PDB file of N, CA and C in Angstrom:
ATOM      1  N   MET A   1     -97.613  30.443  16.025  1.00  0.00           N
ATOM      2  CA  MET A   1     -96.547  29.569  15.738  1.00  0.00           C
ATOM      3  C   MET A   1     -96.093  28.862  17.119  1.00  0.00           C
ATOM      4  N   ASN A   2     -96.140  27.528  17.116  1.00  0.00           N
ATOM      5  CA  ASN A   2     -95.760  26.813  18.271  1.00  0.00           C
ATOM      6  C   ASN A   2     -94.320  26.537  18.325  1.00  0.00           C
ATOM      7  N   TRP A   3     -93.775  25.956  19.528  1.00  0.00           N
ATOM      8  CA  TRP A   3     -92.280  25.783  19.608  1.00  0.00           C
ATOM      9  C   TRP A   3     -91.805  24.686  18.600  1.00  0.00           C
ATOM     10  N   GLN A   4     -92.651  23.738  18.306  1.00  0.00           N
ATOM     11  CA  GLN A   4     -92.159  22.681  17.394  1.00  0.00           C
ATOM     12  C   GLN A   4     -91.906  23.249  15.931  1.00  0.00           C
ATOM     13  N   GLN A   5     -92.871  24.168  15.510  1.00  0.00           N
ATOM     14  CA  GLN A   5     -92.709  24.858  14.181  1.00  0.00           C
ATOM     15  C   GLN A   5     -91.521  25.713  14.205  1.00  0.00           C
ATOM     16  N   ARG A   6     -91.293  26.385  15.300  1.00  0.00           N
ATOM     17  CA  ARG A   6     -90.171  27.208  15.314  1.00  0.00           C
ATOM     18  C   ARG A   6     -88.800  26.509  15.268  1.00  0.00           C
ATOM     19  N   GLU A   7     -88.783  25.398  16.066  1.00  0.00           N
ATOM     20  CA  GLU A   7     -87.566  24.508  15.938  1.00  0.00           C
ATOM     21  C   GLU A   7     -87.324  23.937  14.498  1.00  0.00           C
ATOM     22  N   THR A   8     -88.304  23.610  13.901  1.00  0.00           N
ATOM     23  CA  THR A   8     -88.290  23.072  12.517  1.00  0.00           C
ATOM     24  C   THR A   8     -87.641  24.156  11.556  1.00  0.00           C
ATOM     25  N   ILE A   9     -88.200  25.329  11.704  1.00  0.00           N
ATOM     26  CA  ILE A   9     -87.660  26.435  10.813  1.00  0.00           C
ATOM     27  C   ILE A   9     -86.241  26.726  11.130  1.00  0.00           C
ATOM     28  N   VAL A  10     -85.935  26.844  12.509  1.00  0.00           N
ATOM     29  CA  VAL A  10     -84.519  27.163  12.889  1.00  0.00           C
ATOM     30  C   VAL A  10     -83.607  25.978  12.341  1.00  0.00           C
ATOM     31  N   ALA A  11     -83.964  24.769  12.494  1.00  0.00           N
ATOM     32  CA  ALA A  11     -83.178  23.574  12.048  1.00  0.00           C
ATOM     33  C   ALA A  11     -82.911  23.610  10.467  1.00  0.00           C
ATOM     34  N   HIS A  12     -83.938  24.110   9.803  1.00  0.00           N
ATOM     35  CA  HIS A  12     -83.838  24.111   8.286  1.00  0.00           C
ATOM     36  C   HIS A  12     -82.948  25.384   7.876  1.00  0.00           C
ATOM     37  N   THR A  13     -82.901  26.399   8.611  1.00  0.00           N
ATOM     38  CA  THR A  13     -82.207  27.589   8.195  1.00  0.00           C
ATOM     39  C   THR A  13     -80.649  27.429   8.485  1.00  0.00           C
ATOM     40  N   LYS A  14     -80.351  26.503   9.484  1.00  0.00           N
ATOM     41  CA  LYS A  14     -78.904  26.323   9.916  1.00  0.00           C
ATOM     42  C   LYS A  14     -78.303  25.317   8.827  1.00  0.00           C
ATOM     43  N   SER A  15     -77.365  25.698   8.126  1.00  0.00           N
ATOM     44  CA  SER A  15     -76.788  24.721   7.145  1.00  0.00           C
ATOM     45  C   SER A  15     -75.204  24.790   7.456  1.00  0.00           C
ATOM     46  N   LYS A  16     -74.733  23.573   7.213  1.00  0.00           N
ATOM     47  CA  LYS A  16     -73.321  23.382   7.341  1.00  0.00           C
ATOM     48  C   LYS A  16     -72.507  23.969   6.129  1.00  0.00           C
ATOM     49  N   PRO A  17     -71.406  24.502   6.300  1.00  0.00           N
ATOM     50  CA  PRO A  17     -70.584  24.971   5.197  1.00  0.00           C
ATOM     51  C   PRO A  17     -70.240  23.816   4.247  1.00  0.00           C
ATOM     52  N   ALA A  18     -70.236  24.054   2.927  1.00  0.00           N
ATOM     53  CA  ALA A  18     -69.838  22.994   2.067  1.00  0.00           C
ATOM     54  C   ALA A  18     -68.420  22.680   2.336  1.00  0.00           C
ATOM     55  N   ARG A  19     -68.130  21.343   2.258  1.00  0.00           N
ATOM     56  CA  ARG A  19     -66.715  20.891   2.366  1.00  0.00           C
ATOM     57  C   ARG A  19     -66.124  20.922   0.962  1.00  0.00           C
ATOM     58  N   PRO A  20     -64.848  21.271   0.910  1.00  0.00           N
ATOM     59  CA  PRO A  20     -64.186  21.121  -0.440  1.00  0.00           C
ATOM     60  C   PRO A  20     -64.109  19.754  -0.960  1.00  0.00           C
ATOM     61  N   GLU A  21     -64.080  19.617  -2.217  1.00  0.00           N
ATOM     62  CA  GLU A  21     -63.944  18.328  -2.824  1.00  0.00           C
ATOM     63  C   GLU A  21     -62.540  17.682  -2.443  1.00  0.00           C
ATOM     64  N   PRO A  22     -62.506  16.444  -2.048  1.00  0.00           N
ATOM     65  CA  PRO A  22     -61.145  15.901  -1.696  1.00  0.00           C
ATOM     66  C   PRO A  22     -60.372  15.850  -2.940  1.00  0.00           C
ATOM     67  N   HIS A  23     -59.006  16.006  -2.728  1.00  0.00           N
ATOM     68  CA  HIS A  23     -57.988  15.935  -3.832  1.00  0.00           C
ATOM     69  C   HIS A  23     -57.906  14.498  -4.210  1.00  0.00           C
ATOM     70  N   PRO A  24     -57.833  14.262  -5.652  1.00  0.00           N
ATOM     71  CA  PRO A  24     -57.745  13.043  -6.081  1.00  0.00           C
ATOM     72  C   PRO A  24     -56.636  12.144  -5.506  1.00  0.00           C
ATOM     73  N   HIS A  25     -55.535  12.813  -5.255  1.00  0.00           N
ATOM     74  CA  HIS A  25     -54.401  12.142  -4.555  1.00  0.00           C
ATOM     75  C   HIS A  25     -53.739  13.167  -3.625  1.00  0.00           C
ATOM     76  N   PRO A  26     -53.163  12.591  -2.616  1.00  0.00           N
ATOM     77  CA  PRO A  26     -52.510  13.501  -1.646  1.00  0.00           C
ATOM     78  C   PRO A  26     -51.276  14.104  -2.273  1.00  0.00           C
ATOM     79  N   LEU A  27     -50.881  15.242  -1.754  1.00  0.00           N
ATOM     80  CA  LEU A  27     -49.700  15.955  -2.329  1.00  0.00           C
ATOM     81  C   LEU A  27     -48.416  15.321  -1.784  1.00  0.00           C
ATOM     82  N   ALA A  28     -48.386  14.685  -0.603  1.00  0.00           N
ATOM     83  CA  ALA A  28     -47.278  14.030   0.053  1.00  0.00           C
ATOM     84  C   ALA A  28     -47.689  12.720   0.686  1.00  0.00           C
ATOM     85  N   LEU A  29     -46.668  11.853   0.625  1.00  0.00           N
ATOM     86  CA  LEU A  29     -47.000  10.442   1.119  1.00  0.00           C
ATOM     87  C   LEU A  29     -45.916  10.158   2.171  1.00  0.00           C
ATOM     88  N   ARG A  30     -46.405   9.439   3.180  1.00  0.00           N
ATOM     89  CA  ARG A  30     -45.453   8.936   4.251  1.00  0.00           C
ATOM     90  C   ARG A  30     -45.084   7.475   3.831  1.00  0.00           C
ATOM     91  N   ALA A  31     -44.075   6.959   4.481  1.00  0.00           N
ATOM     92  CA  ALA A  31     -43.555   5.534   4.259  1.00  0.00           C
ATOM     93  C   ALA A  31     -44.752   4.572   4.375  1.00  0.00           C
ATOM     94  N   ALA A  32     -45.587   4.664   5.385  1.00  0.00           N
ATOM     95  CA  ALA A  32     -46.611   3.765   5.541  1.00  0.00           C
ATOM     96  C   ALA A  32     -47.599   3.935   4.303  1.00  0.00           C
ATOM     97  N   ASP A  33     -47.773   5.116   3.783  1.00  0.00           N
ATOM     98  CA  ASP A  33     -48.738   5.270   2.598  1.00  0.00           C
ATOM     99  C   ASP A  33     -48.189   4.623   1.358  1.00  0.00           C
ATOM    100  N   ILE A  34     -46.957   4.787   1.277  1.00  0.00           N
ATOM    101  CA  ILE A  34     -46.313   4.103   0.072  1.00  0.00           C
ATOM    102  C   ILE A  34     -46.217   2.575   0.278  1.00  0.00           C
ATOM    103  N   ALA A  35     -45.922   2.248   1.420  1.00  0.00           N
ATOM    104  CA  ALA A  35     -46.032   0.686   1.680  1.00  0.00           C
ATOM    105  C   ALA A  35     -47.411   0.117   1.437  1.00  0.00           C
ATOM    106  N   SER A  36     -48.444   0.711   1.958  1.00  0.00           N
ATOM    107  CA  SER A  36     -49.766   0.114   1.726  1.00  0.00           C
ATOM    108  C   SER A  36     -50.161   0.231   0.194  1.00  0.00           C
ATOM    109  N   ARG A  37     -49.814   1.275  -0.496  1.00  0.00           N
ATOM    110  CA  ARG A  37     -50.096   1.235  -1.980  1.00  0.00           C
ATOM    111  C   ARG A  37     -49.398   0.317  -2.712  1.00  0.00           C
ATOM    112  N   LEU A  38     -48.101  -0.025  -2.332  1.00  0.00           N
ATOM    113  CA  LEU A  38     -47.355  -1.030  -3.147  1.00  0.00           C
ATOM    114  C   LEU A  38     -47.500  -2.390  -2.500  1.00  0.00           C
ATOM    115  N   ASN A  39     -48.148  -2.506  -1.461  1.00  0.00           N
ATOM    116  CA  ASN A  39     -48.288  -3.859  -0.775  1.00  0.00           C
ATOM    117  C   ASN A  39     -47.018  -4.497  -0.293  1.00  0.00           C
ATOM    118  N   ILE A  40     -46.140  -3.555   0.376  1.00  0.00           N
ATOM    119  CA  ILE A  40     -44.821  -3.908   0.854  1.00  0.00           C
ATOM    120  C   ILE A  40     -44.761  -3.330   2.330  1.00  0.00           C
ATOM    121  N   SER A  41     -43.756  -3.763   2.956  1.00  0.00           N
ATOM    122  CA  SER A  41     -43.660  -3.346   4.428  1.00  0.00           C
ATOM    123  C   SER A  41     -43.010  -1.921   4.432  1.00  0.00           C
ATOM    124  N   ALA A  42     -43.244  -1.246   5.568  1.00  0.00           N
ATOM    125  CA  ALA A  42     -42.637   0.017   5.804  1.00  0.00           C
ATOM    126  C   ALA A  42     -41.050  -0.048   5.805  1.00  0.00           C
ATOM    127  N   ARG A  43     -40.611  -1.263   6.320  1.00  0.00           N
ATOM    128  CA  ARG A  43     -39.154  -1.425   6.388  1.00  0.00           C
ATOM    129  C   ARG A  43     -38.643  -1.419   4.998  1.00  0.00           C
ATOM    130  N   HIS A  44     -39.267  -2.130   3.996  1.00  0.00           N
ATOM    131  CA  HIS A  44     -38.973  -2.200   2.594  1.00  0.00           C
ATOM    132  C   HIS A  44     -38.779  -0.835   2.051  1.00  0.00           C
ATOM    133  N   VAL A  45     -39.762  -0.028   2.393  1.00  0.00           N
ATOM    134  CA  VAL A  45     -39.716   1.345   1.927  1.00  0.00           C
ATOM    135  C   VAL A  45     -38.449   2.037   2.352  1.00  0.00           C
ATOM    136  N   THR A  46     -38.010   1.819   3.690  1.00  0.00           N
ATOM    137  CA  THR A  46     -36.737   2.380   4.174  1.00  0.00           C
ATOM    138  C   THR A  46     -35.585   1.763   3.462  1.00  0.00           C
ATOM    139  N   ASN A  47     -35.645   0.473   3.142  1.00  0.00           N
ATOM    140  CA  ASN A  47     -34.527  -0.092   2.350  1.00  0.00           C
ATOM    141  C   ASN A  47     -34.411   0.379   0.979  1.00  0.00           C
ATOM    142  N   LEU A  48     -35.563   0.682   0.342  1.00  0.00           N
ATOM    143  CA  LEU A  48     -35.487   1.389  -1.000  1.00  0.00           C
ATOM    144  C   LEU A  48     -35.080   2.787  -1.004  1.00  0.00           C
ATOM    145  N   ARG A  49     -35.273   3.443   0.260  1.00  0.00           N
ATOM    146  CA  ARG A  49     -34.767   4.822   0.277  1.00  0.00           C
ATOM    147  C   ARG A  49     -33.249   4.906   0.329  1.00  0.00           C
ATOM    148  N   ASN A  50     -32.728   3.833   0.963  1.00  0.00           N
ATOM    149  CA  ASN A  50     -31.241   3.730   1.051  1.00  0.00           C
ATOM    150  C   ASN A  50     -30.523   2.741   0.098  1.00  0.00           C
ATOM    151  N   HIS A  51     -31.367   2.431  -0.903  1.00  0.00           N
ATOM    152  CA  HIS A  51     -30.835   1.333  -1.896  1.00  0.00           C
ATOM    153  C   HIS A  51     -29.411   1.856  -2.474  1.00  0.00           C
ATOM    154  N   PRO A  52     -28.519   0.897  -2.641  1.00  0.00           N
ATOM    155  CA  PRO A  52     -27.186   1.285  -3.206  1.00  0.00           C
ATOM    156  C   PRO A  52     -27.270   1.682  -4.733  1.00  0.00           C
ATOM    157  N   ASP A  53     -28.255   1.037  -5.430  1.00  0.00           N
ATOM    158  CA  ASP A  53     -28.409   1.364  -6.771  1.00  0.00           C
ATOM    159  C   ASP A  53     -29.278   2.692  -6.978  1.00  0.00           C
ATOM    160  N   PRO A  54     -28.708   3.656  -7.616  1.00  0.00           N
ATOM    161  CA  PRO A  54     -29.480   4.953  -7.704  1.00  0.00           C
ATOM    162  C   PRO A  54     -30.694   4.777  -8.595  1.00  0.00           C
ATOM    163  N   GLU A  55     -30.774   3.779  -9.441  1.00  0.00           N
ATOM    164  CA  GLU A  55     -31.954   3.623 -10.352  1.00  0.00           C
ATOM    165  C   GLU A  55     -33.149   3.025  -9.532  1.00  0.00           C
ATOM    166  N   ARG A  56     -32.761   2.369  -8.470  1.00  0.00           N
ATOM    167  CA  ARG A  56     -33.917   1.728  -7.695  1.00  0.00           C
ATOM    168  C   ARG A  56     -34.136   2.463  -6.488  1.00  0.00           C
ATOM    169  N   ARG A  57     -33.314   3.378  -6.005  1.00  0.00           N
ATOM    170  CA  ARG A  57     -33.634   4.224  -4.879  1.00  0.00           C
ATOM    171  C   ARG A  57     -34.723   5.150  -5.115  1.00  0.00           C
ATOM    172  N   LEU A  58     -35.465   5.236  -3.964  1.00  0.00           N
ATOM    173  CA  LEU A  58     -36.652   6.172  -3.871  1.00  0.00           C
ATOM    174  C   LEU A  58     -36.103   7.652  -4.127  1.00  0.00           C
ATOM    175  N   PRO A  59     -36.931   8.477  -4.772  1.00  0.00           N
ATOM    176  CA  PRO A  59     -36.597   9.867  -4.851  1.00  0.00           C
ATOM    177  C   PRO A  59     -36.323  10.529  -3.465  1.00  0.00           C
ATOM    178  N   PRO A  60     -35.762  11.640  -3.460  1.00  0.00           N
ATOM    179  CA  PRO A  60     -35.456  12.296  -2.179  1.00  0.00           C
ATOM    180  C   PRO A  60     -36.654  12.638  -1.326  1.00  0.00           C
ATOM    181  N   ALA A  61     -36.710  12.510  -0.145  1.00  0.00           N
ATOM    182  CA  ALA A  61     -37.801  12.828   0.744  1.00  0.00           C
ATOM    183  C   ALA A  61     -37.528  14.134   1.412  1.00  0.00           C
ATOM    184  N   PHE A  62     -38.638  14.725   1.992  1.00  0.00           N
ATOM    185  CA  PHE A  62     -38.485  15.890   2.757  1.00  0.00           C
ATOM    186  C   PHE A  62     -39.027  15.616   4.148  1.00  0.00           C
ATOM    187  N   LYS A  63     -38.549  16.397   5.094  1.00  0.00           N
ATOM    188  CA  LYS A  63     -38.997  16.289   6.499  1.00  0.00           C
ATOM    189  C   LYS A  63     -39.826  17.431   6.962  1.00  0.00           C
ATOM    190  N   VAL A  64     -40.814  17.164   7.706  1.00  0.00           N
ATOM    191  CA  VAL A  64     -41.555  18.201   8.382  1.00  0.00           C
ATOM    192  C   VAL A  64     -41.566  17.731   9.873  1.00  0.00           C
ATOM    193  N   GLY A  65     -40.856  18.438  10.678  1.00  0.00           N
ATOM    194  CA  GLY A  65     -40.584  18.005  12.039  1.00  0.00           C
ATOM    195  C   GLY A  65     -39.880  16.672  11.889  1.00  0.00           C
ATOM    196  N   ARG A  66     -40.372  15.660  12.648  1.00  0.00           N
ATOM    197  CA  ARG A  66     -39.695  14.310  12.590  1.00  0.00           C
ATOM    198  C   ARG A  66     -40.313  13.462  11.544  1.00  0.00           C
ATOM    199  N   ALA A  67     -41.410  13.895  10.878  1.00  0.00           N
ATOM    200  CA  ALA A  67     -42.068  13.091   9.916  1.00  0.00           C
ATOM    201  C   ALA A  67     -41.391  13.222   8.588  1.00  0.00           C
ATOM    202  N   THR A  68     -41.240  12.073   7.784  1.00  0.00           N
ATOM    203  CA  THR A  68     -40.611  12.022   6.544  1.00  0.00           C
ATOM    204  C   THR A  68     -41.730  11.864   5.486  1.00  0.00           C
ATOM    205  N   PHE A  69     -41.720  12.620   4.280  1.00  0.00           N
ATOM    206  CA  PHE A  69     -42.637  12.601   3.265  1.00  0.00           C
ATOM    207  C   PHE A  69     -41.933  12.571   1.894  1.00  0.00           C
ATOM    208  N   TRP A  70     -42.727  12.022   1.039  1.00  0.00           N
ATOM    209  CA  TRP A  70     -42.251  11.999  -0.419  1.00  0.00           C
ATOM    210  C   TRP A  70     -43.358  12.712  -1.206  1.00  0.00           C
ATOM    211  N   ARG A  71     -43.013  13.455  -2.190  1.00  0.00           N
ATOM    212  CA  ARG A  71     -44.056  14.092  -3.090  1.00  0.00           C
ATOM    213  C   ARG A  71     -44.694  13.044  -3.888  1.00  0.00           C
ATOM    214  N   TYR A  72     -46.030  13.118  -3.998  1.00  0.00           N
ATOM    215  CA  TYR A  72     -46.827  12.147  -4.678  1.00  0.00           C
ATOM    216  C   TYR A  72     -46.283  11.994  -6.142  1.00  0.00           C
ATOM    217  N   ALA A  73     -46.169  13.175  -6.838  1.00  0.00           N
ATOM    218  CA  ALA A  73     -45.637  13.149  -8.169  1.00  0.00           C
ATOM    219  C   ALA A  73     -44.233  12.482  -8.364  1.00  0.00           C
ATOM    220  N   ASP A  74     -43.457  12.673  -7.452  1.00  0.00           N
ATOM    221  CA  ASP A  74     -42.106  12.047  -7.438  1.00  0.00           C
ATOM    222  C   ASP A  74     -42.180  10.463  -7.393  1.00  0.00           C
ATOM    223  N   ILE A  75     -43.093  10.055  -6.482  1.00  0.00           N
ATOM    224  CA  ILE A  75     -43.310   8.595  -6.334  1.00  0.00           C
ATOM    225  C   ILE A  75     -43.919   8.037  -7.619  1.00  0.00           C
ATOM    226  N   GLU A  76     -44.912   8.799  -8.175  1.00  0.00           N
ATOM    227  CA  GLU A  76     -45.502   8.306  -9.403  1.00  0.00           C
ATOM    228  C   GLU A  76     -44.527   8.223 -10.498  1.00  0.00           C
ATOM    229  N   GLU A  77     -43.644   9.252 -10.665  1.00  0.00           N
ATOM    230  CA  GLU A  77     -42.601   9.095 -11.746  1.00  0.00           C
ATOM    231  C   GLU A  77     -41.631   8.005 -11.474  1.00  0.00           C
ATOM    232  N   TRP A  78     -41.221   7.743 -10.158  1.00  0.00           N
ATOM    233  CA  TRP A  78     -40.295   6.620  -9.722  1.00  0.00           C
ATOM    234  C   TRP A  78     -41.035   5.299 -10.164  1.00  0.00           C
ATOM    235  N   LEU A  79     -42.287   5.072  -9.887  1.00  0.00           N
ATOM    236  CA  LEU A  79     -42.857   3.868 -10.243  1.00  0.00           C
ATOM    237  C   LEU A  79     -42.999   3.689 -11.720  1.00  0.00           C
ATOM    238  N   ASN A  80     -43.198   4.652 -12.393  1.00  0.00           N
ATOM    239  CA  ASN A  80     -43.277   4.643 -13.940  1.00  0.00           C
ATOM    240  C   ASN A  80     -41.946   4.153 -14.429  1.00  0.00           C
ATOM    241  N   ARG A  81     -40.776   4.770 -13.949  1.00  0.00           N
ATOM    242  CA  ARG A  81     -39.541   4.369 -14.366  1.00  0.00           C
ATOM    243  C   ARG A  81     -39.205   2.897 -13.986  1.00  0.00           C
ATOM    244  N   GLN A  82     -39.716   2.442 -12.779  1.00  0.00           N
ATOM    245  CA  GLN A  82     -39.447   1.041 -12.396  1.00  0.00           C
ATOM    246  C   GLN A  82     -40.267   0.109 -13.318  1.00  0.00           C
ATOM    247  N   ALA A  83     -41.461   0.508 -13.703  1.00  0.00           N
ATOM    248  CA  ALA A  83     -42.245  -0.348 -14.619  1.00  0.00           C
ATOM    249  C   ALA A  83     -41.502  -0.394 -15.980  1.00  0.00           C
ATOM    250  N   GLU A  84     -41.041   0.645 -16.552  1.00  0.00           N
ATOM    251  CA  GLU A  84     -40.361   0.699 -17.823  1.00  0.00           C
ATOM    252  C   GLU A  84     -39.021  -0.154 -17.717  1.00  0.00           C
ATOM    253  N   ARG A  85     -38.442  -0.045 -16.610  1.00  0.00           N
ATOM    254  CA  ARG A  85     -37.240  -0.874 -16.298  1.00  0.00           C
ATOM    255  C   ARG A  85     -37.456  -2.307 -16.383  1.00  0.00           C
ATOM    256  N   SER A  86     -38.603  -2.732 -15.622  1.00  0.00           N
ATOM    257  CA  SER A  86     -38.792  -4.170 -15.477  1.00  0.00           C
ATOM    258  C   SER A  86     -39.367  -4.717 -16.908  1.00  0.00           C
ATOM    259  N   ALA A  87     -40.076  -3.886 -17.728  1.00  0.00           N
ATOM    260  CA  ALA A  87     -40.565  -4.336 -18.956  1.00  0.00           C
ATOM    261  C   ALA A  87     -39.484  -4.456 -19.995  1.00  0.00           C
ATOM    262  N   ALA A  88     -38.397  -3.761 -19.849  1.00  0.00           N
ATOM    263  CA  ALA A  88     -37.342  -3.761 -20.802  1.00  0.00           C
ATOM    264  C   ALA A  88     -36.466  -5.176 -20.674  1.00  0.00           C
TER     265      ALA A  88
END
């Protein structure tokens, strides 16, 4: 066995661990994520967070360190309520 054959065998026996399948949607979203999904500015997300009308206000956020996040499920539910409200 020459060195080229040995390298070929070693290269084929080394395999990378399988990556887990990506989640269909993230569990938490930042303001920039919400803004890009809704095609609005991050500032508008902040305005919606502090909106005086509780029906239009974003759901409560949570903080990890200085970063602010919203649960994906809460945002989806809020969007569904907004769609129902605008259809009525």
